[in-house]
């Protein structure tokens, strides 16, 4: 996902918060990524 989209979704003003607290700590479930994109209507 684009970094600016992630920052916006989490409500942060800067990426530093995301890098400090989330990078590498949240392991995505890639088996569900298709459903997530479908729900977001991203093609």
N, C-alpha and C. Protein backbone atom coordinates (compact mmCIF):
# COMPACT_ATOMS: atom_id res chain seq x y z
N UNK A 1 0.85 -1.17 0.00
CA UNK A 1 0.00 0.00 0.00
C UNK A 1 0.89 1.24 0.00
N UNK A 2 0.45 2.29 -0.64
CA UNK A 2 1.23 3.54 -0.62
C UNK A 2 1.36 4.08 0.80
N UNK A 3 2.53 4.56 1.13
CA UNK A 3 2.82 5.03 2.47
C UNK A 3 1.89 6.16 2.90
N UNK A 4 1.62 7.10 1.99
CA UNK A 4 0.74 8.21 2.37
C UNK A 4 -0.67 7.74 2.69
N UNK A 5 -1.13 6.69 2.01
CA UNK A 5 -2.46 6.13 2.28
C UNK A 5 -2.49 5.50 3.68
N UNK A 6 -1.43 4.77 4.01
CA UNK A 6 -1.35 4.12 5.33
C UNK A 6 -1.35 5.17 6.43
N UNK A 7 -0.52 6.20 6.28
CA UNK A 7 -0.43 7.27 7.28
C UNK A 7 -1.81 7.92 7.46
N UNK A 8 -2.51 8.17 6.34
CA UNK A 8 -3.83 8.79 6.41
C UNK A 8 -4.84 7.87 7.11
N UNK A 9 -4.82 6.59 6.81
CA UNK A 9 -5.76 5.65 7.41
C UNK A 9 -5.56 5.54 8.92
N UNK A 10 -4.32 5.64 9.37
CA UNK A 10 -4.03 5.54 10.79
C UNK A 10 -4.21 6.86 11.52
N UNK A 11 -4.41 7.94 10.76
CA UNK A 11 -4.65 9.24 11.38
C UNK A 11 -3.41 9.94 11.88
N UNK A 12 -2.26 9.54 11.37
CA UNK A 12 -1.02 10.18 11.79
C UNK A 12 -0.65 11.29 10.82
N UNK A 13 0.05 12.27 11.31
CA UNK A 13 0.49 13.37 10.46
C UNK A 13 1.81 13.06 9.77
N UNK A 14 2.62 12.22 10.38
CA UNK A 14 3.94 11.91 9.84
C UNK A 14 4.17 10.40 9.87
N UNK A 15 5.06 9.96 9.00
CA UNK A 15 5.38 8.54 8.89
C UNK A 15 6.22 8.02 10.06
N UNK A 16 6.90 8.91 10.76
CA UNK A 16 7.78 8.48 11.85
C UNK A 16 7.08 7.64 12.89
N UNK A 17 5.84 7.98 13.22
CA UNK A 17 5.07 7.21 14.19
C UNK A 17 4.88 5.78 13.68
N UNK A 18 4.54 5.65 12.42
CA UNK A 18 4.34 4.32 11.85
C UNK A 18 5.62 3.50 11.87
N UNK A 19 6.72 4.13 11.48
CA UNK A 19 8.00 3.42 11.44
C UNK A 19 8.44 3.00 12.85
N UNK A 20 8.23 3.85 13.83
CA UNK A 20 8.63 3.53 15.20
C UNK A 20 7.81 2.42 15.82
N UNK A 21 6.49 2.44 15.58
CA UNK A 21 5.61 1.57 16.32
C UNK A 21 5.06 0.37 15.55
N UNK A 22 5.00 0.44 14.23
CA UNK A 22 4.33 -0.62 13.49
C UNK A 22 5.22 -1.41 12.55
N UNK A 23 6.23 -0.79 11.96
CA UNK A 23 7.04 -1.47 10.96
C UNK A 23 7.68 -2.72 11.53
N UNK A 24 7.41 -3.82 10.88
CA UNK A 24 7.98 -5.09 11.29
C UNK A 24 7.26 -5.77 12.42
N UNK A 25 6.34 -5.10 13.06
CA UNK A 25 5.64 -5.70 14.20
C UNK A 25 4.32 -6.31 13.79
N UNK A 26 3.71 -5.77 12.76
CA UNK A 26 2.43 -6.30 12.29
C UNK A 26 2.70 -7.17 11.08
N UNK A 27 2.36 -8.42 11.18
CA UNK A 27 2.57 -9.35 10.09
C UNK A 27 1.26 -9.48 9.31
N UNK A 28 1.25 -9.01 8.05
CA UNK A 28 0.02 -9.06 7.27
C UNK A 28 -0.36 -10.49 6.90
N UNK A 29 -1.64 -10.73 6.81
CA UNK A 29 -2.15 -12.01 6.35
C UNK A 29 -2.39 -11.86 4.85
N UNK A 30 -1.40 -12.23 4.07
CA UNK A 30 -1.46 -12.02 2.63
C UNK A 30 -2.51 -12.90 1.95
N UNK A 31 -3.00 -13.91 2.64
CA UNK A 31 -4.03 -14.76 2.05
C UNK A 31 -5.35 -14.02 1.90
N UNK A 32 -5.51 -12.90 2.60
CA UNK A 32 -6.76 -12.15 2.56
C UNK A 32 -6.66 -10.86 1.75
N UNK A 33 -5.51 -10.60 1.14
CA UNK A 33 -5.29 -9.32 0.49
C UNK A 33 -6.26 -9.07 -0.66
N UNK A 34 -6.63 -10.09 -1.40
CA UNK A 34 -7.59 -9.93 -2.50
C UNK A 34 -8.93 -9.44 -2.00
N UNK A 35 -9.40 -9.98 -0.90
CA UNK A 35 -10.68 -9.56 -0.32
C UNK A 35 -10.61 -8.12 0.15
N UNK A 36 -9.50 -7.76 0.75
CA UNK A 36 -9.33 -6.38 1.23
C UNK A 36 -9.39 -5.41 0.07
N UNK A 37 -8.68 -5.70 -1.02
CA UNK A 37 -8.71 -4.82 -2.19
C UNK A 37 -10.10 -4.75 -2.78
N UNK A 38 -10.80 -5.87 -2.81
CA UNK A 38 -12.15 -5.89 -3.36
C UNK A 38 -13.08 -5.00 -2.52
N UNK A 39 -12.94 -5.06 -1.22
CA UNK A 39 -13.76 -4.24 -0.33
C UNK A 39 -13.45 -2.76 -0.49
N UNK A 40 -12.19 -2.44 -0.78
CA UNK A 40 -11.79 -1.05 -0.97
C UNK A 40 -12.09 -0.55 -2.37
N UNK A 41 -12.51 -1.47 -3.23
CA UNK A 41 -12.79 -1.16 -4.64
C UNK A 41 -11.56 -0.62 -5.35
N UNK A 42 -10.41 -1.21 -5.02
CA UNK A 42 -9.15 -0.85 -5.68
C UNK A 42 -8.91 -1.90 -6.74
N UNK A 43 -8.64 -1.44 -7.94
CA UNK A 43 -8.36 -2.41 -9.00
C UNK A 43 -6.98 -2.23 -9.56
